[in-house]
Amino acid sequence: MQRIFLKNLTIALALLVPIGLTASAQSLGDVARENREKKADTTSAAQPKVIRNKDLPKDPEADPVADQAATAAQPASVPNKSPEQSAADRRAEQRFAQQRLAEQRAAEQWKRQILAQKDKIAALQSRIDHLKATLQFADVSVYPYAGPYNRDQARQLRRITQLQQQLDEQQRKLDQMQEAARHAGMHTAVYDP
């Protein structure tokens, strides 16, 4: 008896469930349409607002509504600058130009000083070479211990020695100047012209 009852109950449920589902169920197209509408509503509400630099106020404490009105009133190609800002920009440009000019002057001064030092060195070297060329010694192969054989030659040798010391000192000074120019950030064309 229980078997018959369960069998009848199963048959009744099997017949009633499809009838209930068809009565309350929607078509697949209706469900898809509802899902698209819900998705469109959530994405339009959840889409973030894009803020660009031109939308931001120049002064963070300024009124954003007044700033937007000022932005809308100006043409798009003209930057939104107040007279104070444009004056500040001009002052900054002037300071930058003055700084560049000062750097150029410093570079030219370094270059002039280094070239003058090189000229001094070249002149000293030329004098030493000239004195050495005019100095004539006795033939060493004939007189092995021969040195200068007159006072003029002895004087020329002392003068050459003095000039060589001056040349060495001027070369050290040039090296120091070039190193100082390098440390000052000068270009190679300035400290090694």
N, C-alpha and C. Protein backbone atom coordinates (compact mmCIF):
# COMPACT_ATOMS: atom_id res chain seq x y z
N MET A 1 0.79 -1.16 0.00
CA MET A 1 0.00 0.00 0.00
C MET A 1 0.86 1.27 0.00
N GLN A 2 1.83 1.20 0.73
CA GLN A 2 2.71 2.36 0.71
C GLN A 2 3.37 2.49 -0.65
N ARG A 3 3.65 1.39 -1.25
CA ARG A 3 4.28 1.45 -2.56
C ARG A 3 3.35 2.07 -3.58
N ILE A 4 2.14 1.73 -3.52
CA ILE A 4 1.18 2.27 -4.46
C ILE A 4 0.99 3.75 -4.19
N PHE A 5 0.95 4.10 -2.92
CA PHE A 5 0.78 5.51 -2.56
C PHE A 5 1.99 6.32 -3.05
N LEU A 6 3.18 5.84 -2.83
CA LEU A 6 4.38 6.55 -3.27
C LEU A 6 4.44 6.63 -4.80
N LYS A 7 4.02 5.58 -5.42
CA LYS A 7 4.04 5.57 -6.87
C LYS A 7 3.05 6.60 -7.41
N ASN A 8 1.86 6.68 -6.84
CA ASN A 8 0.86 7.67 -7.27
C ASN A 8 1.33 9.09 -6.96
N LEU A 9 1.93 9.24 -5.81
CA LEU A 9 2.42 10.56 -5.41
C LEU A 9 3.53 11.02 -6.38
N THR A 10 4.40 10.16 -6.76
CA THR A 10 5.47 10.49 -7.68
C THR A 10 4.91 10.84 -9.04
N ILE A 11 3.93 10.12 -9.48
CA ILE A 11 3.30 10.41 -10.78
C ILE A 11 2.59 11.75 -10.72
N ALA A 12 1.90 12.04 -9.62
CA ALA A 12 1.17 13.31 -9.48
C ALA A 12 2.14 14.48 -9.46
N LEU A 13 3.23 14.32 -8.75
CA LEU A 13 4.23 15.40 -8.70
C LEU A 13 4.88 15.60 -10.06
N ALA A 14 5.16 14.52 -10.73
CA ALA A 14 5.77 14.62 -12.04
C ALA A 14 4.87 15.34 -13.01
N LEU A 15 3.55 15.19 -12.85
CA LEU A 15 2.62 15.88 -13.73
C LEU A 15 2.41 17.33 -13.30
N LEU A 16 2.44 17.61 -12.00
CA LEU A 16 2.17 18.95 -11.52
C LEU A 16 3.38 19.90 -11.67
N VAL A 17 4.59 19.43 -11.51
CA VAL A 17 5.77 20.29 -11.56
C VAL A 17 5.91 20.96 -12.93
N PRO A 18 5.85 20.28 -14.06
CA PRO A 18 5.98 20.99 -15.33
C PRO A 18 4.86 21.98 -15.55
N ILE A 19 3.65 21.68 -15.04
CA ILE A 19 2.54 22.62 -15.22
C ILE A 19 2.82 23.88 -14.43
N GLY A 20 3.35 23.75 -13.18
CA GLY A 20 3.65 24.93 -12.35
C GLY A 20 4.80 25.73 -12.92
N LEU A 21 5.76 25.04 -13.47
CA LEU A 21 6.91 25.75 -14.02
C LEU A 21 6.55 26.51 -15.27
N THR A 22 5.72 25.95 -16.08
CA THR A 22 5.35 26.65 -17.31
C THR A 22 4.45 27.83 -17.01
N ALA A 23 3.67 27.75 -15.96
CA ALA A 23 2.76 28.84 -15.64
C ALA A 23 3.53 30.03 -15.08
N SER A 24 4.56 29.77 -14.23
CA SER A 24 5.26 30.88 -13.59
C SER A 24 6.56 31.23 -14.29
N ALA A 25 7.03 30.42 -15.17
CA ALA A 25 8.32 30.67 -15.81
C ALA A 25 8.18 31.68 -16.94
N GLN A 26 9.30 32.46 -17.15
CA GLN A 26 9.34 33.43 -18.24
C GLN A 26 10.09 32.81 -19.40
N SER A 27 9.95 33.43 -20.50
CA SER A 27 10.69 32.93 -21.64
C SER A 27 12.17 33.32 -21.47
N LEU A 28 13.03 32.64 -22.14
CA LEU A 28 14.47 32.89 -22.06
C LEU A 28 14.80 34.30 -22.57
N GLY A 29 14.12 34.79 -23.56
CA GLY A 29 14.33 36.13 -24.10
C GLY A 29 13.99 37.20 -23.08
N ASP A 30 12.86 36.96 -22.30
CA ASP A 30 12.49 37.94 -21.28
C ASP A 30 13.56 38.02 -20.19
N VAL A 31 14.10 36.89 -19.80
CA VAL A 31 15.13 36.86 -18.75
C VAL A 31 16.39 37.58 -19.24
N ALA A 32 16.80 37.34 -20.46
CA ALA A 32 17.98 38.00 -21.01
C ALA A 32 17.79 39.50 -21.09
N ARG A 33 16.60 39.93 -21.51
CA ARG A 33 16.30 41.36 -21.60
C ARG A 33 16.39 42.02 -20.23
N GLU A 34 15.82 41.37 -19.21
CA GLU A 34 15.87 41.92 -17.85
C GLU A 34 17.31 42.01 -17.36
N ASN A 35 18.10 41.00 -17.65
CA ASN A 35 19.51 41.03 -17.22
C ASN A 35 20.28 42.17 -17.90
N ARG A 36 20.04 42.39 -19.18
CA ARG A 36 20.70 43.50 -19.88
C ARG A 36 20.29 44.84 -19.30
N GLU A 37 19.01 45.00 -18.98
CA GLU A 37 18.54 46.26 -18.40
C GLU A 37 19.18 46.50 -17.04
N LYS A 38 19.26 45.46 -16.22
CA LYS A 38 19.89 45.61 -14.90
C LYS A 38 21.36 45.97 -15.05
N LYS A 39 22.02 45.31 -15.97
CA LYS A 39 23.45 45.57 -16.18
C LYS A 39 23.67 46.99 -16.68
N ALA A 40 22.83 47.46 -17.58
CA ALA A 40 22.95 48.82 -18.10
C ALA A 40 22.73 49.85 -16.99
N ASP A 41 21.75 49.58 -16.11
CA ASP A 41 21.48 50.49 -15.00
C ASP A 41 22.66 50.54 -14.04
N THR A 42 23.26 49.40 -13.72
CA THR A 42 24.38 49.38 -12.77
C THR A 42 25.63 49.98 -13.37
N THR A 43 25.91 49.75 -14.65
CA THR A 43 27.13 50.30 -15.25
C THR A 43 27.02 51.81 -15.43
N SER A 44 25.85 52.30 -15.79
CA SER A 44 25.73 53.75 -15.95
C SER A 44 25.82 54.45 -14.60
N ALA A 45 25.32 53.83 -13.58
CA ALA A 45 25.39 54.44 -12.25
C ALA A 45 26.79 54.26 -11.66
N ALA A 46 27.46 53.18 -11.99
CA ALA A 46 28.76 52.89 -11.40
C ALA A 46 29.92 53.43 -12.22
N GLN A 47 29.71 53.98 -13.41
CA GLN A 47 30.80 54.49 -14.22
C GLN A 47 31.41 55.70 -13.54
N PRO A 48 32.74 55.69 -13.37
CA PRO A 48 33.38 56.82 -12.70
C PRO A 48 33.44 58.04 -13.61
N LYS A 49 33.42 59.20 -12.98
CA LYS A 49 33.52 60.44 -13.72
C LYS A 49 35.00 60.69 -14.00
N VAL A 50 35.34 61.01 -15.22
CA VAL A 50 36.72 61.27 -15.61
C VAL A 50 37.00 62.75 -15.38
N ILE A 51 38.04 63.01 -14.60
CA ILE A 51 38.42 64.38 -14.30
C ILE A 51 39.77 64.63 -14.97
N ARG A 52 39.82 65.66 -15.80
CA ARG A 52 41.05 66.01 -16.50
C ARG A 52 41.69 67.21 -15.82
N ASN A 53 42.94 67.49 -16.17
CA ASN A 53 43.66 68.61 -15.56
C ASN A 53 42.93 69.93 -15.79
N LYS A 54 42.34 70.08 -16.97
CA LYS A 54 41.66 71.35 -17.25
C LYS A 54 40.40 71.49 -16.40
N ASP A 55 39.88 70.37 -15.84
CA ASP A 55 38.70 70.44 -14.99
C ASP A 55 39.05 70.82 -13.56
N LEU A 56 40.32 70.69 -13.19
CA LEU A 56 40.74 70.99 -11.82
C LEU A 56 40.91 72.50 -11.63
N PRO A 57 40.60 73.02 -10.46
CA PRO A 57 40.81 74.44 -10.22
C PRO A 57 42.31 74.71 -10.03
N LYS A 58 42.74 75.90 -10.43
CA LYS A 58 44.14 76.28 -10.26
C LYS A 58 44.47 76.45 -8.78
N ASP A 59 43.57 77.02 -8.05
CA ASP A 59 43.73 77.23 -6.62
C ASP A 59 42.87 76.19 -5.90
N PRO A 60 43.46 75.28 -5.08
CA PRO A 60 42.66 74.24 -4.46
C PRO A 60 41.57 74.78 -3.53
N GLU A 61 41.75 75.99 -3.03
CA GLU A 61 40.75 76.55 -2.12
C GLU A 61 39.73 77.43 -2.85
N ALA A 62 39.88 77.51 -4.16
CA ALA A 62 38.94 78.31 -4.95
C ALA A 62 37.62 77.57 -5.09
N ASP A 63 36.60 78.32 -5.44
CA ASP A 63 35.27 77.75 -5.62
C ASP A 63 35.24 76.99 -6.94
N PRO A 64 34.99 75.64 -6.93
CA PRO A 64 35.02 74.89 -8.18
C PRO A 64 33.95 75.31 -9.17
N VAL A 65 32.81 75.77 -8.69
CA VAL A 65 31.73 76.20 -9.60
C VAL A 65 32.16 77.46 -10.34
N ALA A 66 32.75 78.41 -9.63
CA ALA A 66 33.22 79.64 -10.26
C ALA A 66 34.37 79.35 -11.22
N ASP A 67 35.23 78.39 -10.85
CA ASP A 67 36.36 78.04 -11.72
C ASP A 67 35.87 77.38 -13.01
N GLN A 68 34.84 76.53 -12.91
CA GLN A 68 34.29 75.90 -14.11
C GLN A 68 33.63 76.94 -15.00
N ALA A 69 32.98 77.92 -14.41
CA ALA A 69 32.35 78.98 -15.20
C ALA A 69 33.43 79.79 -15.92
N ALA A 70 34.54 80.05 -15.24
CA ALA A 70 35.62 80.80 -15.88
C ALA A 70 36.25 79.98 -17.00
N THR A 71 36.39 78.67 -16.78
CA THR A 71 36.94 77.80 -17.80
C THR A 71 36.03 77.75 -19.02
N ALA A 72 34.73 77.68 -18.80
CA ALA A 72 33.78 77.62 -19.91
C ALA A 72 33.76 78.93 -20.69
N ALA A 73 34.01 80.05 -20.02
CA ALA A 73 33.97 81.35 -20.68
C ALA A 73 35.19 81.57 -21.57
N GLN A 74 36.31 80.92 -21.26
CA GLN A 74 37.53 81.11 -22.04
C GLN A 74 37.58 80.16 -23.21
N PRO A 75 38.23 80.55 -24.30
CA PRO A 75 38.42 79.63 -25.41
C PRO A 75 39.36 78.50 -24.98
N ALA A 76 39.25 77.37 -25.67
CA ALA A 76 40.01 76.19 -25.29
C ALA A 76 41.51 76.37 -25.51
N SER A 77 41.93 77.18 -26.49
CA SER A 77 43.35 77.32 -26.79
C SER A 77 44.06 78.24 -25.82
N VAL A 78 43.37 79.10 -25.10
CA VAL A 78 43.99 80.03 -24.17
C VAL A 78 44.05 79.37 -22.80
N PRO A 79 45.24 79.27 -22.18
CA PRO A 79 45.31 78.66 -20.86
C PRO A 79 44.61 79.53 -19.83
N ASN A 80 44.07 78.89 -18.82
CA ASN A 80 43.33 79.59 -17.78
C ASN A 80 44.32 80.12 -16.76
N LYS A 81 44.82 81.35 -16.98
CA LYS A 81 45.80 81.95 -16.08
C LYS A 81 45.28 83.29 -15.60
N SER A 82 45.47 83.48 -14.33
CA SER A 82 45.11 84.78 -13.78
C SER A 82 46.28 85.73 -14.05
N PRO A 83 46.05 87.03 -13.92
CA PRO A 83 47.15 87.98 -14.14
C PRO A 83 48.32 87.74 -13.19
N GLU A 84 48.03 87.31 -11.97
CA GLU A 84 49.09 87.04 -11.00
C GLU A 84 49.92 85.84 -11.46
N GLN A 85 49.24 84.83 -12.00
CA GLN A 85 49.95 83.63 -12.45
C GLN A 85 50.82 83.94 -13.67
N SER A 86 50.27 84.71 -14.61
CA SER A 86 51.07 85.02 -15.79
C SER A 86 52.26 85.91 -15.42
N ALA A 87 52.08 86.80 -14.45
CA ALA A 87 53.20 87.62 -13.98
C ALA A 87 54.24 86.75 -13.29
N ALA A 88 53.77 85.79 -12.51
CA ALA A 88 54.69 84.86 -11.85
C ALA A 88 55.43 84.02 -12.88
N ASP A 89 54.73 83.61 -13.94
CA ASP A 89 55.38 82.85 -15.00
C ASP A 89 56.45 83.69 -15.70
N ARG A 90 56.13 84.96 -15.95
CA ARG A 90 57.12 85.84 -16.59
C ARG A 90 58.33 86.03 -15.69
N ARG A 91 58.10 86.20 -14.39
CA ARG A 91 59.23 86.36 -13.46
C ARG A 91 60.08 85.09 -13.43
N ALA A 92 59.42 83.94 -13.45
CA ALA A 92 60.16 82.67 -13.45
C ALA A 92 60.98 82.52 -14.73
N GLU A 93 60.40 82.90 -15.86
CA GLU A 93 61.13 82.85 -17.13
C GLU A 93 62.32 83.81 -17.12
N GLN A 94 62.13 85.00 -16.54
CA GLN A 94 63.22 85.96 -16.45
C GLN A 94 64.35 85.44 -15.57
N ARG A 95 63.97 84.81 -14.43
CA ARG A 95 64.99 84.24 -13.54
C ARG A 95 65.75 83.13 -14.26
N PHE A 96 65.01 82.31 -14.99
CA PHE A 96 65.65 81.22 -15.73
C PHE A 96 66.60 81.77 -16.79
N ALA A 97 66.16 82.80 -17.51
CA ALA A 97 67.01 83.42 -18.54
C ALA A 97 68.25 84.05 -17.90
N GLN A 98 68.08 84.71 -16.76
CA GLN A 98 69.22 85.31 -16.08
C GLN A 98 70.19 84.24 -15.59
N GLN A 99 69.65 83.13 -15.12
CA GLN A 99 70.49 82.04 -14.65
C GLN A 99 71.29 81.46 -15.83
N ARG A 100 70.62 81.25 -16.97
CA ARG A 100 71.32 80.75 -18.15
C ARG A 100 72.41 81.72 -18.59
N LEU A 101 72.12 83.02 -18.57
CA LEU A 101 73.09 84.03 -18.96
C LEU A 101 74.28 84.02 -18.00
N ALA A 102 74.01 83.89 -16.70
CA ALA A 102 75.09 83.83 -15.72
C ALA A 102 75.95 82.59 -15.92
N GLU A 103 75.32 81.48 -16.24
CA GLU A 103 76.08 80.25 -16.50
C GLU A 103 76.94 80.40 -17.74
N GLN A 104 76.39 81.05 -18.79
CA GLN A 104 77.17 81.27 -20.01
C GLN A 104 78.36 82.19 -19.75
N ARG A 105 78.12 83.22 -18.93
CA ARG A 105 79.21 84.15 -18.60
C ARG A 105 80.30 83.43 -17.81
N ALA A 106 79.88 82.59 -16.85
CA ALA A 106 80.85 81.84 -16.06
C ALA A 106 81.65 80.90 -16.95
N ALA A 107 80.98 80.25 -17.87
CA ALA A 107 81.68 79.34 -18.79
C ALA A 107 82.68 80.10 -19.64
N GLU A 108 82.27 81.25 -20.14
CA GLU A 108 83.18 82.07 -20.97
C GLU A 108 84.37 82.55 -20.14
N GLN A 109 84.13 82.91 -18.88
CA GLN A 109 85.22 83.37 -18.02
C GLN A 109 86.21 82.22 -17.76
N TRP A 110 85.68 81.04 -17.45
CA TRP A 110 86.56 79.88 -17.25
C TRP A 110 87.37 79.62 -18.52
N LYS A 111 86.71 79.66 -19.65
CA LYS A 111 87.38 79.38 -20.92
C LYS A 111 88.48 80.40 -21.19
N ARG A 112 88.18 81.69 -20.94
CA ARG A 112 89.17 82.75 -21.16
C ARG A 112 90.39 82.54 -20.26
N GLN A 113 90.14 82.24 -18.99
CA GLN A 113 91.25 82.05 -18.05
C GLN A 113 92.10 80.84 -18.43
N ILE A 114 91.46 79.77 -18.82
CA ILE A 114 92.20 78.56 -19.19
C ILE A 114 93.01 78.80 -20.46
N LEU A 115 92.41 79.49 -21.43
CA LEU A 115 93.16 79.80 -22.66
C LEU A 115 94.34 80.72 -22.38
N ALA A 116 94.15 81.70 -21.49
CA ALA A 116 95.26 82.59 -21.13
C ALA A 116 96.38 81.80 -20.46
N GLN A 117 96.01 80.86 -19.60
CA GLN A 117 97.01 80.02 -18.94
C GLN A 117 97.74 79.15 -19.96
N LYS A 118 97.02 78.61 -20.92
CA LYS A 118 97.67 77.81 -21.96
C LYS A 118 98.62 78.67 -22.80
N ASP A 119 98.23 79.92 -23.05
CA ASP A 119 99.11 80.83 -23.79
C ASP A 119 100.40 81.10 -23.01
N LYS A 120 100.29 81.27 -21.68
CA LYS A 120 101.47 81.47 -20.85
C LYS A 120 102.40 80.26 -20.94
N ILE A 121 101.81 79.08 -20.87
CA ILE A 121 102.60 77.86 -20.94
C ILE A 121 103.28 77.74 -22.30
N ALA A 122 102.57 78.05 -23.36
CA ALA A 122 103.14 77.97 -24.71
C ALA A 122 104.28 78.97 -24.86
N ALA A 123 104.11 80.18 -24.30
CA ALA A 123 105.17 81.19 -24.40
C ALA A 123 106.41 80.75 -23.63
N LEU A 124 106.21 80.20 -22.44
CA LEU A 124 107.36 79.72 -21.66
C LEU A 124 108.07 78.58 -22.39
N GLN A 125 107.31 77.66 -22.94
CA GLN A 125 107.90 76.54 -23.67
C GLN A 125 108.68 77.03 -24.88
N SER A 126 108.14 78.03 -25.55
CA SER A 126 108.82 78.60 -26.72
C SER A 126 110.15 79.24 -26.30
N ARG A 127 110.16 79.96 -25.18
CA ARG A 127 111.40 80.60 -24.70
C ARG A 127 112.43 79.54 -24.33
N ILE A 128 111.99 78.48 -23.66
CA ILE A 128 112.91 77.41 -23.28
C ILE A 128 113.50 76.75 -24.52
N ASP A 129 112.64 76.47 -25.49
CA ASP A 129 113.12 75.85 -26.73
C ASP A 129 114.12 76.74 -27.45
N HIS A 130 113.87 78.05 -27.47
CA HIS A 130 114.77 78.99 -28.14
C HIS A 130 116.12 79.03 -27.42
N LEU A 131 116.10 79.08 -26.08
CA LEU A 131 117.36 79.11 -25.33
C LEU A 131 118.15 77.82 -25.51
N LYS A 132 117.45 76.71 -25.54
CA LYS A 132 118.14 75.43 -25.74
C LYS A 132 118.75 75.36 -27.14
N ALA A 133 118.08 75.93 -28.11
CA ALA A 133 118.60 75.90 -29.48
C ALA A 133 119.84 76.77 -29.62
N THR A 134 119.92 77.86 -28.89
CA THR A 134 121.07 78.76 -29.01
C THR A 134 122.25 78.31 -28.16
N LEU A 135 122.01 77.43 -27.23
CA LEU A 135 123.07 76.96 -26.34
C LEU A 135 123.90 75.91 -27.07
N GLN A 136 125.22 76.12 -27.12
CA GLN A 136 126.10 75.17 -27.80
C GLN A 136 127.13 74.67 -26.79
N PHE A 137 127.20 73.37 -26.70
CA PHE A 137 128.16 72.75 -25.80
C PHE A 137 129.34 72.22 -26.60
N ALA A 138 130.39 71.92 -25.86
CA ALA A 138 131.54 71.27 -26.50
C ALA A 138 131.15 69.85 -26.86
N ASP A 139 131.77 69.29 -27.81
CA ASP A 139 131.48 67.94 -28.27
C ASP A 139 131.78 66.95 -27.15
N VAL A 140 130.79 66.23 -26.68
CA VAL A 140 130.92 65.33 -25.55
C VAL A 140 131.77 64.12 -25.94
N SER A 141 131.78 63.73 -27.20
CA SER A 141 132.59 62.57 -27.60
C SER A 141 134.09 62.88 -27.51
N VAL A 142 134.45 64.15 -27.73
CA VAL A 142 135.86 64.55 -27.65
C VAL A 142 136.23 64.90 -26.21
N TYR A 143 135.36 65.65 -25.55
CA TYR A 143 135.58 66.07 -24.17
C TYR A 143 134.48 65.45 -23.31
N PRO A 144 134.71 64.26 -22.71
CA PRO A 144 133.64 63.56 -22.00
C PRO A 144 133.05 64.34 -20.84
N TYR A 145 133.82 65.14 -20.16
CA TYR A 145 133.29 65.89 -19.01
C TYR A 145 133.07 67.35 -19.36
N ALA A 146 132.86 67.59 -20.60
CA ALA A 146 132.72 68.96 -21.05
C ALA A 146 131.36 69.50 -20.66
N GLY A 147 131.30 70.67 -20.23
CA GLY A 147 130.07 71.36 -19.90
C GLY A 147 130.10 72.67 -20.63
N PRO A 148 129.32 73.65 -20.15
CA PRO A 148 129.39 74.96 -20.80
C PRO A 148 130.81 75.52 -20.61
N TYR A 149 131.32 76.07 -21.63
CA TYR A 149 132.70 76.51 -21.52
C TYR A 149 132.83 78.02 -21.42
N ASN A 150 131.73 78.73 -21.27
CA ASN A 150 131.84 80.16 -20.99
C ASN A 150 130.70 80.60 -20.07
N ARG A 151 130.77 81.82 -19.62
CA ARG A 151 129.79 82.35 -18.66
C ARG A 151 128.41 82.50 -19.28
N ASP A 152 128.37 82.86 -20.54
CA ASP A 152 127.06 83.02 -21.20
C ASP A 152 126.28 81.72 -21.22
N GLN A 153 126.98 80.66 -21.52
CA GLN A 153 126.31 79.36 -21.56
C GLN A 153 125.84 78.95 -20.15
N ALA A 154 126.64 79.22 -19.15
CA ALA A 154 126.25 78.91 -17.77
C ALA A 154 125.01 79.71 -17.38
N ARG A 155 125.01 80.99 -17.76
CA ARG A 155 123.85 81.84 -17.49
C ARG A 155 122.61 81.32 -18.22
N GLN A 156 122.76 80.91 -19.46
CA GLN A 156 121.63 80.37 -20.24
C GLN A 156 121.08 79.09 -19.58
N LEU A 157 121.99 78.25 -19.09
CA LEU A 157 121.52 77.04 -18.41
C LEU A 157 120.72 77.37 -17.14
N ARG A 158 121.20 78.35 -16.37
CA ARG A 158 120.44 78.76 -15.18
C ARG A 158 119.08 79.33 -15.58
N ARG A 159 119.06 80.12 -16.62
CA ARG A 159 117.80 80.71 -17.11
C ARG A 159 116.84 79.61 -17.59
N ILE A 160 117.37 78.63 -18.31
CA ILE A 160 116.52 77.51 -18.77
C ILE A 160 115.94 76.77 -17.57
N THR A 161 116.75 76.55 -16.55
CA THR A 161 116.28 75.86 -15.34
C THR A 161 115.17 76.67 -14.66
N GLN A 162 115.36 77.98 -14.56
CA GLN A 162 114.33 78.84 -13.96
C GLN A 162 113.03 78.81 -14.78
N LEU A 163 113.18 78.92 -16.08
CA LEU A 163 112.00 78.90 -16.94
C LEU A 163 111.29 77.55 -16.88
N GLN A 164 112.07 76.46 -16.76
CA GLN A 164 111.44 75.13 -16.65
C GLN A 164 110.66 75.02 -15.34
N GLN A 165 111.16 75.59 -14.27
CA GLN A 165 110.43 75.61 -12.99
C GLN A 165 109.14 76.42 -13.13
N GLN A 166 109.25 77.57 -13.78
CA GLN A 166 108.05 78.39 -14.01
C GLN A 166 107.04 77.63 -14.87
N LEU A 167 107.54 76.96 -15.89
CA LEU A 167 106.67 76.18 -16.77
C LEU A 167 105.93 75.09 -15.97
N ASP A 168 106.67 74.39 -15.12
CA ASP A 168 106.04 73.35 -14.30
C ASP A 168 104.98 73.94 -13.37
N GLU A 169 105.27 75.08 -12.79
CA GLU A 169 104.30 75.74 -11.89
C GLU A 169 103.05 76.18 -12.67
N GLN A 170 103.24 76.74 -13.85
CA GLN A 170 102.11 77.17 -14.67
C GLN A 170 101.28 75.97 -15.14
N GLN A 171 101.93 74.86 -15.41
CA GLN A 171 101.20 73.65 -15.81
C GLN A 171 100.36 73.13 -14.64
N ARG A 172 100.91 73.15 -13.43
CA ARG A 172 100.13 72.75 -12.24
C ARG A 172 98.93 73.67 -12.05
N LYS A 173 99.16 74.97 -12.27
CA LYS A 173 98.08 75.94 -12.13
C LYS A 173 96.98 75.66 -13.17
N LEU A 174 97.37 75.33 -14.39
CA LEU A 174 96.40 75.00 -15.44
C LEU A 174 95.60 73.76 -15.06
N ASP A 175 96.30 72.74 -14.56
CA ASP A 175 95.60 71.52 -14.14
C ASP A 175 94.59 71.82 -13.04
N GLN A 176 94.95 72.67 -12.10
CA GLN A 176 94.03 73.04 -11.01
C GLN A 176 92.83 73.81 -11.55
N MET A 177 93.07 74.70 -12.49
CA MET A 177 91.98 75.47 -13.08
C MET A 177 91.01 74.54 -13.82
N GLN A 178 91.57 73.60 -14.59
CA GLN A 178 90.71 72.67 -15.33
C GLN A 178 89.91 71.78 -14.39
N GLU A 179 90.54 71.35 -13.32
CA GLU A 179 89.82 70.52 -12.33
C GLU A 179 88.71 71.33 -11.65
N ALA A 180 88.99 72.59 -11.33
CA ALA A 180 87.96 73.44 -10.71
C ALA A 180 86.80 73.66 -11.68
N ALA A 181 87.10 73.84 -12.95
CA ALA A 181 86.04 74.02 -13.95
C ALA A 181 85.21 72.75 -14.08
N ARG A 182 85.86 71.59 -14.04
CA ARG A 182 85.12 70.32 -14.09
C ARG A 182 84.18 70.21 -12.90
N HIS A 183 84.69 70.55 -11.71
CA HIS A 183 83.86 70.46 -10.50
C HIS A 183 82.73 71.49 -10.52
N ALA A 184 82.93 72.58 -11.24
CA ALA A 184 81.87 73.59 -11.36
C ALA A 184 80.80 73.17 -12.36
N GLY A 185 81.01 72.02 -13.02
CA GLY A 185 80.01 71.51 -13.94
C GLY A 185 80.15 72.03 -15.36
N MET A 186 81.30 72.55 -15.69
CA MET A 186 81.50 73.08 -17.03
C MET A 186 81.70 71.94 -18.03
N HIS A 187 81.34 72.23 -19.26
CA HIS A 187 81.46 71.26 -20.36
C HIS A 187 82.93 71.11 -20.74
N THR A 188 83.27 70.01 -21.37
CA THR A 188 84.65 69.73 -21.79
C THR A 188 85.19 70.84 -22.70
N ALA A 189 84.34 71.39 -23.55
CA ALA A 189 84.77 72.46 -24.45
C ALA A 189 85.20 73.70 -23.67
N VAL A 190 84.76 73.83 -22.43
CA VAL A 190 85.14 74.98 -21.62
C VAL A 190 86.50 74.74 -20.95
N TYR A 191 86.65 73.59 -20.29
CA TYR A 191 87.88 73.40 -19.52
C TYR A 191 89.00 72.76 -20.32
N ASP A 192 88.74 72.34 -21.56
CA ASP A 192 89.80 71.81 -22.41
C ASP A 192 89.63 72.32 -23.84
N PRO A 193 89.73 73.66 -24.01
CA PRO A 193 89.47 74.23 -25.35
C PRO A 193 90.61 73.94 -26.31
